[in-house]
Amino acid sequence: MPPNETIETFEGADKQAHWRRFEEATSRLRKRRNKTLRDLSETELIAFFDQYQSITADLARARSLGAPDSVVDRLNRMAVTGHVILYGYSKKSNPTNKGAWWHAFARVVRQHLWALGLSCILFFGTAVVTYFSVLNNPQLGFDLVPDEFLHFNPAKEDNMHDIPSLSRPIAASSIMSNNIQVSLLAFGMGLTAGIGTATILIFNGMHLGAIAGWFAVQGNSRSLWGWIMPHGGVELLAISLAGAAGFLLARAIYCPGQVRRRTALKQIGRSALVMEVGVMVMLVFAGLIEGFVSPSAIGYPARMAVLAITLTIWTGYFVMAGRNEFKTVNSE
């Protein structure tokens, strides 16, 4: 390659702008107290890694083509800085504390709130629309409400029905299995570019809204909500998170970025899998409440208290878990 072409290659405006962006990114990361990439979103992390690969490629070409020493030195400094940041992230991405995965679940949810928001809109939005549709036009109930709920008449004001104590472990196991199957289906259907995930969320939202509207028409709303309150908050949040995990996979298909879709799926798949495993833990928790607490004889205020306490605990977890993890590690 002629000397003037070498200079144009390594000192062009586009190349200089790319190098400056990488230098600014590494400068910001080095100023952080923990000096890790954990706080970056999946997209930002992939972009930084792509920039680092481009810098190392430029360095190799600069050396082989005999670029000026000033260019080689600058690229070498950037490559070393990028390596130190990435190596430090790799070292700290497997902390020794036993709660690392549990903290990772909360971090992934915070990083992908857009997916949770989309899932909630499809699930709860459909439920609300269906609820008011059945409430205003009860005839729809005969088409949308399952047969076992059409003529259901609760024997108690606060309970839909009473499960005998000896049967509750079996009921809890059945409920957990069913909910986990639904969550896995919503997650896996993300590979249909999110179409299957959206369908499952809409169908389940319609099912929930139709039953709620039908019970309101029959004057049994208190019975329904009395049953749902103890476990419903955690269960419905978990289903929404399962949908969010599916939408993460769909995003890798629709918007893979500067990598192949297969690579994007592998990269985002880790976060989606962490979210789905966390969903299953939540559903086990909700299933235990649904099998043991919901069919018990506790009163309506106690059921509201269980709902409030469980939602407060999970909200606090998602807001706070994992934020101070590396500060503790560094202080040691």
C-alpha atoms as a PDB file:
ATOM      1  CA  MET A   1       0.000   0.000   0.000  1.00  0.00           C
ATOM      2  CA  PRO A   2       1.450   3.433  -0.910  1.00  0.00           C
ATOM      3  CA  PRO A   3       2.520   5.707   1.995  1.00  0.00           C
ATOM      4  CA  ASN A   4      -0.154   8.337   1.280  1.00  0.00           C
ATOM      5  CA  GLU A   5      -2.876   5.621   1.344  1.00  0.00           C
ATOM      6  CA  THR A   6      -1.563   4.436   4.711  1.00  0.00           C
ATOM      7  CA  ILE A   7      -1.782   7.946   6.128  1.00  0.00           C
ATOM      8  CA  GLU A   8      -5.296   8.371   4.719  1.00  0.00           C
ATOM      9  CA  THR A   9      -6.354   5.038   6.202  1.00  0.00           C
ATOM     10  CA  PHE A  10      -5.176   5.781   9.743  1.00  0.00           C
ATOM     11  CA  GLU A  11      -5.610   9.530   9.907  1.00  0.00           C
ATOM     12  CA  GLY A  12      -8.950   9.979   8.139  1.00  0.00           C
ATOM     13  CA  ALA A  13     -11.737  11.943   9.811  1.00  0.00           C
ATOM     14  CA  ASP A  14     -13.984   8.899  10.275  1.00  0.00           C
ATOM     15  CA  LYS A  15     -11.206   6.839  11.838  1.00  0.00           C
ATOM     16  CA  GLN A  16     -10.161   9.672  14.147  1.00  0.00           C
ATOM     17  CA  ALA A  17     -13.770  10.152  15.261  1.00  0.00           C
ATOM     18  CA  HIS A  18     -14.083   6.414  15.999  1.00  0.00           C
ATOM     19  CA  TRP A  19     -10.903   6.470  18.091  1.00  0.00           C
ATOM     20  CA  ARG A  20     -12.043   9.536  20.022  1.00  0.00           C
ATOM     21  CA  ARG A  21     -15.351   7.843  20.880  1.00  0.00           C
ATOM     22  CA  PHE A  22     -13.518   4.807  22.198  1.00  0.00           C
ATOM     23  CA  GLU A  23     -11.128   6.966  24.231  1.00  0.00           C
ATOM     24  CA  GLU A  24     -14.068   8.854  25.737  1.00  0.00           C
ATOM     25  CA  ALA A  25     -15.849   5.595  26.574  1.00  0.00           C
ATOM     26  CA  THR A  26     -12.785   4.109  28.301  1.00  0.00           C
ATOM     27  CA  SER A  27     -12.195   7.373  30.149  1.00  0.00           C
ATOM     28  CA  ARG A  28     -15.753   7.326  31.547  1.00  0.00           C
ATOM     29  CA  LEU A  29     -15.452   3.697  32.606  1.00  0.00           C
ATOM     30  CA  ARG A  30     -12.086   4.237  34.328  1.00  0.00           C
ATOM     31  CA  LYS A  31     -13.543   7.084  36.386  1.00  0.00           C
ATOM     32  CA  ARG A  32     -16.139   4.781  37.907  1.00  0.00           C
ATOM     33  CA  ARG A  33     -15.418   3.620  41.403  1.00  0.00           C
ATOM     34  CA  ASN A  34     -15.850  -0.083  40.627  1.00  0.00           C
ATOM     35  CA  LYS A  35     -14.382   0.178  37.099  1.00  0.00           C
ATOM     36  CA  THR A  36     -16.596  -2.574  35.668  1.00  0.00           C
ATOM     37  CA  LEU A  37     -19.033  -2.894  32.795  1.00  0.00           C
ATOM     38  CA  ARG A  38     -21.829  -4.373  34.911  1.00  0.00           C
ATOM     39  CA  ASP A  39     -23.886  -1.190  34.905  1.00  0.00           C
ATOM     40  CA  LEU A  40     -23.934  -1.068  31.097  1.00  0.00           C
ATOM     41  CA  SER A  41     -26.956  -2.386  29.244  1.00  0.00           C
ATOM     42  CA  GLU A  42     -26.629  -5.378  26.956  1.00  0.00           C
ATOM     43  CA  THR A  43     -26.539  -3.103  23.895  1.00  0.00           C
ATOM     44  CA  GLU A  44     -23.893  -0.799  25.393  1.00  0.00           C
ATOM     45  CA  LEU A  45     -21.727  -3.751  26.412  1.00  0.00           C
ATOM     46  CA  ILE A  46     -21.888  -5.272  22.928  1.00  0.00           C
ATOM     47  CA  ALA A  47     -21.072  -1.880  21.371  1.00  0.00           C
ATOM     48  CA  PHE A  48     -18.037  -1.427  23.642  1.00  0.00           C
ATOM     49  CA  PHE A  49     -16.747  -4.911  22.798  1.00  0.00           C
ATOM     50  CA  ASP A  50     -17.197  -4.248  19.062  1.00  0.00           C
ATOM     51  CA  GLN A  51     -15.266  -0.969  19.419  1.00  0.00           C
ATOM     52  CA  TYR A  52     -12.471  -2.787  21.273  1.00  0.00           C
ATOM     53  CA  GLN A  53     -12.228  -5.406  18.511  1.00  0.00           C
ATOM     54  CA  SER A  54     -12.057  -2.639  15.901  1.00  0.00           C
ATOM     55  CA  ILE A  55      -9.240  -0.897  17.811  1.00  0.00           C
ATOM     56  CA  THR A  56      -7.182  -4.093  18.076  1.00  0.00           C
ATOM     57  CA  ALA A  57      -7.701  -4.709  14.346  1.00  0.00           C
ATOM     58  CA  ASP A  58      -6.548  -1.149  13.577  1.00  0.00           C
ATOM     59  CA  LEU A  59      -3.476  -1.675  15.763  1.00  0.00           C
ATOM     60  CA  ALA A  60      -2.527  -4.874  13.910  1.00  0.00           C
ATOM     61  CA  ARG A  61      -2.951  -3.180  10.539  1.00  0.00           C
ATOM     62  CA  ALA A  62      -1.025  -0.095  11.647  1.00  0.00           C
ATOM     63  CA  ARG A  63       1.952  -2.203  12.686  1.00  0.00           C
ATOM     64  CA  SER A  64       1.929  -4.325   9.548  1.00  0.00           C
ATOM     65  CA  LEU A  65       1.554  -1.335   7.187  1.00  0.00           C
ATOM     66  CA  GLY A  66       4.229   0.800   8.856  1.00  0.00           C
ATOM     67  CA  ALA A  67       1.986   3.568  10.162  1.00  0.00           C
ATOM     68  CA  PRO A  68       3.669   6.481  12.003  1.00  0.00           C
ATOM     69  CA  ASP A  69       4.879   5.737  15.537  1.00  0.00           C
ATOM     70  CA  SER A  70       2.442   8.272  16.987  1.00  0.00           C
ATOM     71  CA  VAL A  71      -0.494   6.348  15.471  1.00  0.00           C
ATOM     72  CA  VAL A  72       0.819   2.970  16.668  1.00  0.00           C
ATOM     73  CA  ASP A  73       1.455   4.311  20.189  1.00  0.00           C
ATOM     74  CA  ARG A  74      -2.033   5.801  20.406  1.00  0.00           C
ATOM     75  CA  LEU A  75      -3.704   2.609  19.235  1.00  0.00           C
ATOM     76  CA  ASN A  76      -1.567   0.545  21.589  1.00  0.00           C
ATOM     77  CA  ARG A  77      -2.617   2.691  24.577  1.00  0.00           C
ATOM     78  CA  MET A  78      -6.282   2.337  23.615  1.00  0.00           C
ATOM     79  CA  ALA A  79      -5.986  -1.420  23.165  1.00  0.00           C
ATOM     80  CA  VAL A  80      -4.265  -1.842  26.538  1.00  0.00           C
ATOM     81  CA  THR A  81      -6.864   0.325  28.280  1.00  0.00           C
ATOM     82  CA  GLY A  82      -9.712  -1.605  26.687  1.00  0.00           C
ATOM     83  CA  HIS A  83      -8.102  -4.912  27.623  1.00  0.00           C
ATOM     84  CA  VAL A  84      -7.707  -3.844  31.253  1.00  0.00           C
ATOM     85  CA  ILE A  85     -11.364  -2.809  31.469  1.00  0.00           C
ATOM     86  CA  LEU A  86     -12.640  -5.994  29.805  1.00  0.00           C
ATOM     87  CA  TYR A  87     -10.299  -8.212  31.834  1.00  0.00           C
ATOM     88  CA  GLY A  88     -11.406  -6.520  35.053  1.00  0.00           C
ATOM     89  CA  TYR A  89     -15.054  -7.079  34.072  1.00  0.00           C
ATOM     90  CA  SER A  90     -14.354 -10.743  33.311  1.00  0.00           C
ATOM     91  CA  LYS A  91     -12.663 -11.221  36.699  1.00  0.00           C
ATOM     92  CA  LYS A  92     -15.532  -9.596  38.565  1.00  0.00           C
ATOM     93  CA  SER A  93     -18.342 -11.184  36.579  1.00  0.00           C
ATOM     94  CA  ASN A  94     -17.959 -14.369  38.664  1.00  0.00           C
ATOM     95  CA  PRO A  95     -17.893 -13.080  42.239  1.00  0.00           C
ATOM     96  CA  THR A  96     -17.430 -15.573  45.019  1.00  0.00           C
ATOM     97  CA  ASN A  97     -20.415 -14.527  47.074  1.00  0.00           C
ATOM     98  CA  LYS A  98     -23.247 -17.056  47.015  1.00  0.00           C
ATOM     99  CA  GLY A  99     -25.878 -14.454  46.139  1.00  0.00           C
ATOM    100  CA  ALA A 100     -24.315 -13.546  42.768  1.00  0.00           C
ATOM    101  CA  TRP A 101     -27.063 -15.142  40.663  1.00  0.00           C
ATOM    102  CA  TRP A 102     -29.810 -13.768  42.877  1.00  0.00           C
ATOM    103  CA  HIS A 103     -28.397 -10.269  42.428  1.00  0.00           C
ATOM    104  CA  ALA A 104     -28.029 -10.835  38.682  1.00  0.00           C
ATOM    105  CA  PHE A 105     -31.775 -11.501  38.364  1.00  0.00           C
ATOM    106  CA  ALA A 106     -32.637  -8.055  39.745  1.00  0.00           C
ATOM    107  CA  ARG A 107     -29.977  -6.347  37.608  1.00  0.00           C
ATOM    108  CA  VAL A 108     -31.251  -7.974  34.411  1.00  0.00           C
ATOM    109  CA  VAL A 109     -34.811  -6.867  35.166  1.00  0.00           C
ATOM    110  CA  ARG A 110     -33.654  -3.277  35.782  1.00  0.00           C
ATOM    111  CA  GLN A 111     -31.620  -3.253  32.567  1.00  0.00           C
ATOM    112  CA  HIS A 112     -34.557  -4.405  30.445  1.00  0.00           C
ATOM    113  CA  LEU A 113     -37.527  -2.538  31.844  1.00  0.00           C
ATOM    114  CA  TRP A 114     -38.694  -1.858  28.275  1.00  0.00           C
ATOM    115  CA  ALA A 115     -39.362  -5.599  27.832  1.00  0.00           C
ATOM    116  CA  LEU A 116     -41.262  -5.786  31.116  1.00  0.00           C
ATOM    117  CA  GLY A 117     -43.296  -2.731  30.139  1.00  0.00           C
ATOM    118  CA  LEU A 118     -44.246  -4.252  26.784  1.00  0.00           C
ATOM    119  CA  SER A 119     -45.195  -7.529  28.450  1.00  0.00           C
ATOM    120  CA  CYS A 120     -47.367  -5.749  31.042  1.00  0.00           C
ATOM    121  CA  ILE A 121     -49.136  -3.711  28.369  1.00  0.00           C
ATOM    122  CA  LEU A 122     -50.094  -6.821  26.418  1.00  0.00           C
ATOM    123  CA  PHE A 123     -51.056  -8.868  29.483  1.00  0.00           C
ATOM    124  CA  PHE A 124     -52.777  -6.363  31.757  1.00  0.00           C
ATOM    125  CA  GLY A 125     -54.018  -4.171  28.920  1.00  0.00           C
ATOM    126  CA  THR A 126     -55.866  -7.125  27.393  1.00  0.00           C
ATOM    127  CA  ALA A 127     -57.219  -8.099  30.815  1.00  0.00           C
ATOM    128  CA  VAL A 128     -58.626  -4.606  31.432  1.00  0.00           C
ATOM    129  CA  VAL A 129     -60.244  -4.378  27.979  1.00  0.00           C
ATOM    130  CA  THR A 130     -61.805  -7.834  28.326  1.00  0.00           C
ATOM    131  CA  TYR A 131     -62.986  -7.115  31.862  1.00  0.00           C
ATOM    132  CA  PHE A 132     -64.962  -4.029  30.827  1.00  0.00           C
ATOM    133  CA  SER A 133     -66.197  -5.745  27.672  1.00  0.00           C
ATOM    134  CA  VAL A 134     -67.767  -8.580  29.683  1.00  0.00           C
ATOM    135  CA  LEU A 135     -69.008  -6.134  32.304  1.00  0.00           C
ATOM    136  CA  ASN A 136     -70.806  -4.024  29.687  1.00  0.00           C
ATOM    137  CA  ASN A 137     -71.916  -6.969  27.557  1.00  0.00           C
ATOM    138  CA  PRO A 138     -72.412 -10.062  29.769  1.00  0.00           C
ATOM    139  CA  GLN A 139     -73.288 -12.175  26.719  1.00  0.00           C
ATOM    140  CA  LEU A 140     -69.572 -12.217  25.885  1.00  0.00           C
ATOM    141  CA  GLY A 141     -69.011 -14.197  29.064  1.00  0.00           C
ATOM    142  CA  PHE A 142     -70.559 -17.291  27.490  1.00  0.00           C
ATOM    143  CA  ASP A 143     -67.931 -17.140  24.731  1.00  0.00           C
ATOM    144  CA  LEU A 144     -64.880 -16.115  26.765  1.00  0.00           C
ATOM    145  CA  VAL A 145     -65.287 -17.613  30.253  1.00  0.00           C
ATOM    146  CA  PRO A 146     -64.330 -21.299  30.772  1.00  0.00           C
ATOM    147  CA  ASP A 147     -67.282 -23.606  31.475  1.00  0.00           C
ATOM    148  CA  GLU A 148     -66.172 -24.381  35.038  1.00  0.00           C
ATOM    149  CA  PHE A 149     -66.542 -20.689  35.960  1.00  0.00           C
ATOM    150  CA  LEU A 150     -69.822 -19.927  34.178  1.00  0.00           C
ATOM    151  CA  HIS A 151     -72.105 -21.323  36.887  1.00  0.00           C
ATOM    152  CA  PHE A 152     -69.715 -21.147  39.806  1.00  0.00           C
ATOM    153  CA  ASN A 153     -71.338 -20.056  43.053  1.00  0.00           C
ATOM    154  CA  PRO A 154     -68.883 -19.666  45.930  1.00  0.00           C
ATOM    155  CA  ALA A 155     -69.982 -21.102  49.233  1.00  0.00           C
ATOM    156  CA  LYS A 156     -68.128 -18.429  51.205  1.00  0.00           C
ATOM    157  CA  GLU A 157     -67.759 -14.707  50.818  1.00  0.00           C
ATOM    158  CA  ASP A 158     -63.971 -14.629  51.084  1.00  0.00           C
ATOM    159  CA  ASN A 159     -63.120 -17.989  49.472  1.00  0.00           C
ATOM    160  CA  MET A 160     -63.857 -19.329  46.029  1.00  0.00           C
ATOM    161  CA  HIS A 161     -63.610 -22.816  47.494  1.00  0.00           C
ATOM    162  CA  ASP A 162     -61.935 -24.585  50.375  1.00  0.00           C
ATOM    163  CA  ILE A 163     -59.189 -27.124  49.717  1.00  0.00           C
ATOM    164  CA  PRO A 164     -58.830 -29.659  52.577  1.00  0.00           C
ATOM    165  CA  SER A 165     -55.534 -29.424  54.453  1.00  0.00           C
ATOM    166  CA  LEU A 166     -54.369 -32.890  53.354  1.00  0.00           C
ATOM    167  CA  SER A 167     -54.934 -32.021  49.696  1.00  0.00           C
ATOM    168  CA  ARG A 168     -53.105 -28.693  49.742  1.00  0.00           C
ATOM    169  CA  PRO A 169     -49.598 -30.052  48.990  1.00  0.00           C
ATOM    170  CA  ILE A 170     -50.974 -31.765  45.878  1.00  0.00           C
ATOM    171  CA  ALA A 171     -52.815 -28.597  44.861  1.00  0.00           C
ATOM    172  CA  ALA A 172     -49.690 -26.482  45.394  1.00  0.00           C
ATOM    173  CA  SER A 173     -47.587 -28.853  43.282  1.00  0.00           C
ATOM    174  CA  SER A 174     -50.154 -28.848  40.464  1.00  0.00           C
ATOM    175  CA  ILE A 175     -50.458 -25.064  40.498  1.00  0.00           C
ATOM    176  CA  MET A 176     -46.672 -24.566  40.420  1.00  0.00           C
ATOM    177  CA  SER A 177     -46.249 -27.028  37.531  1.00  0.00           C
ATOM    178  CA  ASN A 178     -48.939 -25.326  35.460  1.00  0.00           C
ATOM    179  CA  ASN A 179     -47.575 -21.817  36.056  1.00  0.00           C
ATOM    180  CA  ILE A 180     -43.999 -22.847  35.286  1.00  0.00           C
ATOM    181  CA  GLN A 181     -45.161 -24.466  32.038  1.00  0.00           C
ATOM    182  CA  VAL A 182     -46.891 -21.227  31.026  1.00  0.00           C
ATOM    183  CA  SER A 183     -43.786 -19.182  31.840  1.00  0.00           C
ATOM    184  CA  LEU A 184     -41.482 -21.531  29.909  1.00  0.00           C
ATOM    185  CA  LEU A 185     -43.824 -21.371  26.932  1.00  0.00           C
ATOM    186  CA  ALA A 186     -43.903 -17.560  27.011  1.00  0.00           C
ATOM    187  CA  PHE A 187     -40.095 -17.532  27.249  1.00  0.00           C
ATOM    188  CA  GLY A 188     -39.441 -20.094  24.526  1.00  0.00           C
ATOM    189  CA  MET A 189     -41.914 -18.493  22.128  1.00  0.00           C
ATOM    190  CA  GLY A 190     -39.610 -15.495  22.007  1.00  0.00           C
ATOM    191  CA  LEU A 191     -37.800 -17.454  19.281  1.00  0.00           C
ATOM    192  CA  THR A 192     -40.852 -16.903  17.053  1.00  0.00           C
ATOM    193  CA  ALA A 193     -39.724 -13.261  16.907  1.00  0.00           C
ATOM    194  CA  GLY A 194     -42.000 -12.566  19.873  1.00  0.00           C
ATOM    195  CA  ILE A 195     -45.235 -13.432  18.067  1.00  0.00           C
ATOM    196  CA  GLY A 196     -45.837 -16.538  20.179  1.00  0.00           C
ATOM    197  CA  THR A 197     -44.949 -14.697  23.397  1.00  0.00           C
ATOM    198  CA  ALA A 198     -47.378 -11.891  22.589  1.00  0.00           C
ATOM    199  CA  THR A 199     -50.105 -14.426  21.762  1.00  0.00           C
ATOM    200  CA  ILE A 200     -49.678 -16.211  25.097  1.00  0.00           C
ATOM    201  CA  LEU A 201     -49.767 -12.943  27.044  1.00  0.00           C
ATOM    202  CA  ILE A 202     -52.865 -11.715  25.210  1.00  0.00           C
ATOM    203  CA  PHE A 203     -54.647 -15.060  25.625  1.00  0.00           C
ATOM    204  CA  ASN A 204     -53.923 -15.260  29.363  1.00  0.00           C
ATOM    205  CA  GLY A 205     -54.836 -11.591  29.831  1.00  0.00           C
ATOM    206  CA  MET A 206     -58.137 -12.187  28.043  1.00  0.00           C
ATOM    207  CA  HIS A 207     -58.760 -15.254  30.217  1.00  0.00           C
ATOM    208  CA  LEU A 208     -58.108 -13.291  33.418  1.00  0.00           C
ATOM    209  CA  GLY A 209     -60.175 -10.285  32.361  1.00  0.00           C
ATOM    210  CA  ALA A 210     -63.117 -12.401  31.215  1.00  0.00           C
ATOM    211  CA  ILE A 211     -63.304 -14.310  34.509  1.00  0.00           C
ATOM    212  CA  ALA A 212     -62.987 -11.101  36.535  1.00  0.00           C
ATOM    213  CA  GLY A 213     -65.719  -9.431  34.481  1.00  0.00           C
ATOM    214  CA  TRP A 214     -68.034 -12.448  34.753  1.00  0.00           C
ATOM    215  CA  PHE A 215     -67.651 -12.631  38.536  1.00  0.00           C
ATOM    216  CA  ALA A 216     -68.398  -8.902  38.715  1.00  0.00           C
ATOM    217  CA  VAL A 217     -71.572  -9.429  36.681  1.00  0.00           C
ATOM    218  CA  GLN A 218     -72.607 -12.256  39.033  1.00  0.00           C
ATOM    219  CA  GLY A 219     -71.846 -10.150  42.125  1.00  0.00           C
ATOM    220  CA  ASN A 220     -68.997 -12.431  43.241  1.00  0.00           C
ATOM    221  CA  SER A 221     -66.041 -10.072  42.771  1.00  0.00           C
ATOM    222  CA  ARG A 222     -65.140 -10.164  46.452  1.00  0.00           C
ATOM    223  CA  SER A 223     -64.894 -13.951  46.311  1.00  0.00           C
ATOM    224  CA  LEU A 224     -62.611 -13.841  43.269  1.00  0.00           C
ATOM    225  CA  TRP A 225     -60.273 -11.147  44.582  1.00  0.00           C
ATOM    226  CA  GLY A 226     -60.267 -12.728  48.013  1.00  0.00           C
ATOM    227  CA  TRP A 227     -58.898 -15.858  46.405  1.00  0.00           C
ATOM    228  CA  ILE A 228     -56.406 -14.112  44.135  1.00  0.00           C
ATOM    229  CA  MET A 229     -55.032 -11.506  46.558  1.00  0.00           C
ATOM    230  CA  PRO A 230     -52.558 -13.610  48.585  1.00  0.00           C
ATOM    231  CA  HIS A 231     -50.679 -15.051  45.606  1.00  0.00           C
ATOM    232  CA  GLY A 232     -51.868 -13.023  42.612  1.00  0.00           C
ATOM    233  CA  GLY A 233     -49.422 -10.133  42.834  1.00  0.00           C
ATOM    234  CA  VAL A 234     -46.333 -12.359  42.637  1.00  0.00           C
ATOM    235  CA  GLU A 235     -47.872 -14.743  40.109  1.00  0.00           C
ATOM    236  CA  LEU A 236     -48.981 -12.065  37.655  1.00  0.00           C
ATOM    237  CA  LEU A 237     -45.638 -10.242  37.958  1.00  0.00           C
ATOM    238  CA  ALA A 238     -43.807 -13.502  37.270  1.00  0.00           C
ATOM    239  CA  ILE A 239     -45.857 -14.178  34.134  1.00  0.00           C
ATOM    240  CA  SER A 240     -45.118 -10.639  32.920  1.00  0.00           C
ATOM    241  CA  LEU A 241     -41.398 -11.215  33.507  1.00  0.00           C
ATOM    242  CA  ALA A 242     -41.554 -14.493  31.573  1.00  0.00           C
ATOM    243  CA  GLY A 243     -43.017 -12.542  28.665  1.00  0.00           C
ATOM    244  CA  ALA A 244     -40.241  -9.970  29.050  1.00  0.00           C
ATOM    245  CA  ALA A 245     -37.627 -12.747  28.801  1.00  0.00           C
ATOM    246  CA  GLY A 246     -39.271 -13.897  25.582  1.00  0.00           C
ATOM    247  CA  PHE A 247     -39.156 -10.373  24.177  1.00  0.00           C
ATOM    248  CA  LEU A 248     -35.414 -10.210  24.889  1.00  0.00           C
ATOM    249  CA  LEU A 249     -34.951 -13.160  22.534  1.00  0.00           C
ATOM    250  CA  ALA A 250     -37.242 -11.487  20.007  1.00  0.00           C
ATOM    251  CA  ARG A 251     -35.147  -8.318  20.128  1.00  0.00           C
ATOM    252  CA  ALA A 252     -32.035 -10.301  19.197  1.00  0.00           C
ATOM    253  CA  ILE A 253     -33.898 -11.527  16.107  1.00  0.00           C
ATOM    254  CA  TYR A 254     -35.320  -8.149  15.091  1.00  0.00           C
ATOM    255  CA  CYS A 255     -32.345  -5.962  16.098  1.00  0.00           C
ATOM    256  CA  PRO A 256     -29.140  -8.039  16.265  1.00  0.00           C
ATOM    257  CA  GLY A 257     -26.965  -4.923  15.965  1.00  0.00           C
ATOM    258  CA  GLN A 258     -23.556  -5.311  14.330  1.00  0.00           C
ATOM    259  CA  VAL A 259     -23.377  -9.066  14.909  1.00  0.00           C
ATOM    260  CA  ARG A 260     -25.152 -12.060  13.407  1.00  0.00           C
ATOM    261  CA  ARG A 261     -28.518 -13.064  14.823  1.00  0.00           C
ATOM    262  CA  ARG A 262     -27.052 -16.279  16.188  1.00  0.00           C
ATOM    263  CA  THR A 263     -24.393 -14.326  18.066  1.00  0.00           C
ATOM    264  CA  ALA A 264     -26.949 -11.786  19.294  1.00  0.00           C
ATOM    265  CA  LEU A 265     -29.158 -14.610  20.587  1.00  0.00           C
ATOM    266  CA  LYS A 266     -26.238 -16.114  22.495  1.00  0.00           C
ATOM    267  CA  GLN A 267     -25.371 -12.763  24.028  1.00  0.00           C
ATOM    268  CA  ILE A 268     -28.885 -11.717  25.032  1.00  0.00           C
ATOM    269  CA  GLY A 269     -29.843 -15.319  25.821  1.00  0.00           C
ATOM    270  CA  ARG A 270     -27.803 -15.244  29.029  1.00  0.00           C
ATOM    271  CA  SER A 271     -29.822 -12.353  30.394  1.00  0.00           C
ATOM    272  CA  ALA A 272     -33.092 -13.901  29.224  1.00  0.00           C
ATOM    273  CA  LEU A 273     -32.221 -17.206  30.887  1.00  0.00           C
ATOM    274  CA  VAL A 274     -31.343 -15.505  34.180  1.00  0.00           C
ATOM    275  CA  MET A 275     -34.719 -13.751  34.057  1.00  0.00           C
ATOM    276  CA  GLU A 276     -36.598 -16.989  33.302  1.00  0.00           C
ATOM    277  CA  VAL A 277     -34.927 -18.934  36.114  1.00  0.00           C
ATOM    278  CA  GLY A 278     -35.839 -16.103  38.478  1.00  0.00           C
ATOM    279  CA  VAL A 279     -39.437 -16.300  37.215  1.00  0.00           C
ATOM    280  CA  MET A 280     -39.592 -19.993  38.109  1.00  0.00           C
ATOM    281  CA  VAL A 281     -38.387 -19.217  41.633  1.00  0.00           C
ATOM    282  CA  MET A 282     -41.109 -16.579  41.935  1.00  0.00           C
ATOM    283  CA  LEU A 283     -43.738 -19.035  40.701  1.00  0.00           C
ATOM    284  CA  VAL A 284     -42.685 -21.647  43.257  1.00  0.00           C
ATOM    285  CA  PHE A 285     -43.100 -18.960  45.914  1.00  0.00           C
ATOM    286  CA  ALA A 286     -46.522 -17.967  44.539  1.00  0.00           C
ATOM    287  CA  GLY A 287     -47.603 -21.594  44.172  1.00  0.00           C
ATOM    288  CA  LEU A 288     -46.920 -22.304  47.821  1.00  0.00           C
ATOM    289  CA  ILE A 289     -49.076 -19.344  48.815  1.00  0.00           C
ATOM    290  CA  GLU A 290     -51.784 -20.348  46.347  1.00  0.00           C
ATOM    291  CA  GLY A 291     -51.845 -23.933  47.578  1.00  0.00           C
ATOM    292  CA  PHE A 292     -51.673 -23.280  51.323  1.00  0.00           C
ATOM    293  CA  VAL A 293     -52.759 -19.700  52.098  1.00  0.00           C
ATOM    294  CA  SER A 294     -55.322 -18.809  49.425  1.00  0.00           C
ATOM    295  CA  PRO A 295     -57.769 -21.662  50.246  1.00  0.00           C
ATOM    296  CA  SER A 296     -57.439 -21.157  53.998  1.00  0.00           C
ATOM    297  CA  ALA A 297     -60.013 -19.539  56.266  1.00  0.00           C
ATOM    298  CA  ILE A 298     -58.123 -16.257  56.810  1.00  0.00           C
ATOM    299  CA  GLY A 299     -60.200 -13.103  56.423  1.00  0.00           C
ATOM    300  CA  TYR A 300     -60.258 -10.522  53.677  1.00  0.00           C
ATOM    301  CA  PRO A 301     -58.002  -7.966  55.481  1.00  0.00           C
ATOM    302  CA  ALA A 302     -55.398 -10.667  56.106  1.00  0.00           C
ATOM    303  CA  ARG A 303     -55.442 -11.568  52.432  1.00  0.00           C
ATOM    304  CA  MET A 304     -54.857  -7.941  51.481  1.00  0.00           C
ATOM    305  CA  ALA A 305     -51.986  -7.823  53.967  1.00  0.00           C
ATOM    306  CA  VAL A 306     -50.352 -10.878  52.362  1.00  0.00           C
ATOM    307  CA  LEU A 307     -50.667  -9.224  48.946  1.00  0.00           C
ATOM    308  CA  ALA A 308     -49.161  -5.951  50.185  1.00  0.00           C
ATOM    309  CA  ILE A 309     -46.281  -7.664  52.000  1.00  0.00           C
ATOM    310  CA  THR A 310     -45.289  -9.918  49.102  1.00  0.00           C
ATOM    311  CA  LEU A 311     -45.400  -7.083  46.563  1.00  0.00           C
ATOM    312  CA  THR A 312     -43.365  -4.843  48.865  1.00  0.00           C
ATOM    313  CA  ILE A 313     -40.717  -7.530  49.311  1.00  0.00           C
ATOM    314  CA  TRP A 314     -40.376  -8.204  45.596  1.00  0.00           C
ATOM    315  CA  THR A 315     -40.405  -4.524  44.669  1.00  0.00           C
ATOM    316  CA  GLY A 316     -37.666  -3.815  47.203  1.00  0.00           C
ATOM    317  CA  TYR A 317     -35.658  -6.718  45.840  1.00  0.00           C
ATOM    318  CA  PHE A 318     -35.857  -5.571  42.219  1.00  0.00           C
ATOM    319  CA  VAL A 319     -34.970  -1.987  43.158  1.00  0.00           C
ATOM    320  CA  MET A 320     -32.071  -2.679  45.534  1.00  0.00           C
ATOM    321  CA  ALA A 321     -30.555  -6.142  44.923  1.00  0.00           C
ATOM    322  CA  GLY A 322     -27.105  -6.147  43.329  1.00  0.00           C
ATOM    323  CA  ARG A 323     -26.500  -2.389  43.465  1.00  0.00           C
ATOM    324  CA  ASN A 324     -23.808  -2.500  46.171  1.00  0.00           C
ATOM    325  CA  GLU A 325     -22.359  -5.902  45.376  1.00  0.00           C
ATOM    326  CA  PHE A 326     -19.041  -4.720  43.968  1.00  0.00           C
ATOM    327  CA  LYS A 327     -18.605  -1.942  46.487  1.00  0.00           C
ATOM    328  CA  THR A 328     -18.539  -4.614  49.174  1.00  0.00           C
ATOM    329  CA  VAL A 329     -16.079  -6.737  47.178  1.00  0.00           C
ATOM    330  CA  ASN A 330     -13.734  -3.801  46.540  1.00  0.00           C
ATOM    331  CA  SER A 331     -13.781  -2.667  50.173  1.00  0.00           C
ATOM    332  CA  GLU A 332     -12.502  -6.069  51.204  1.00  0.00           C
END
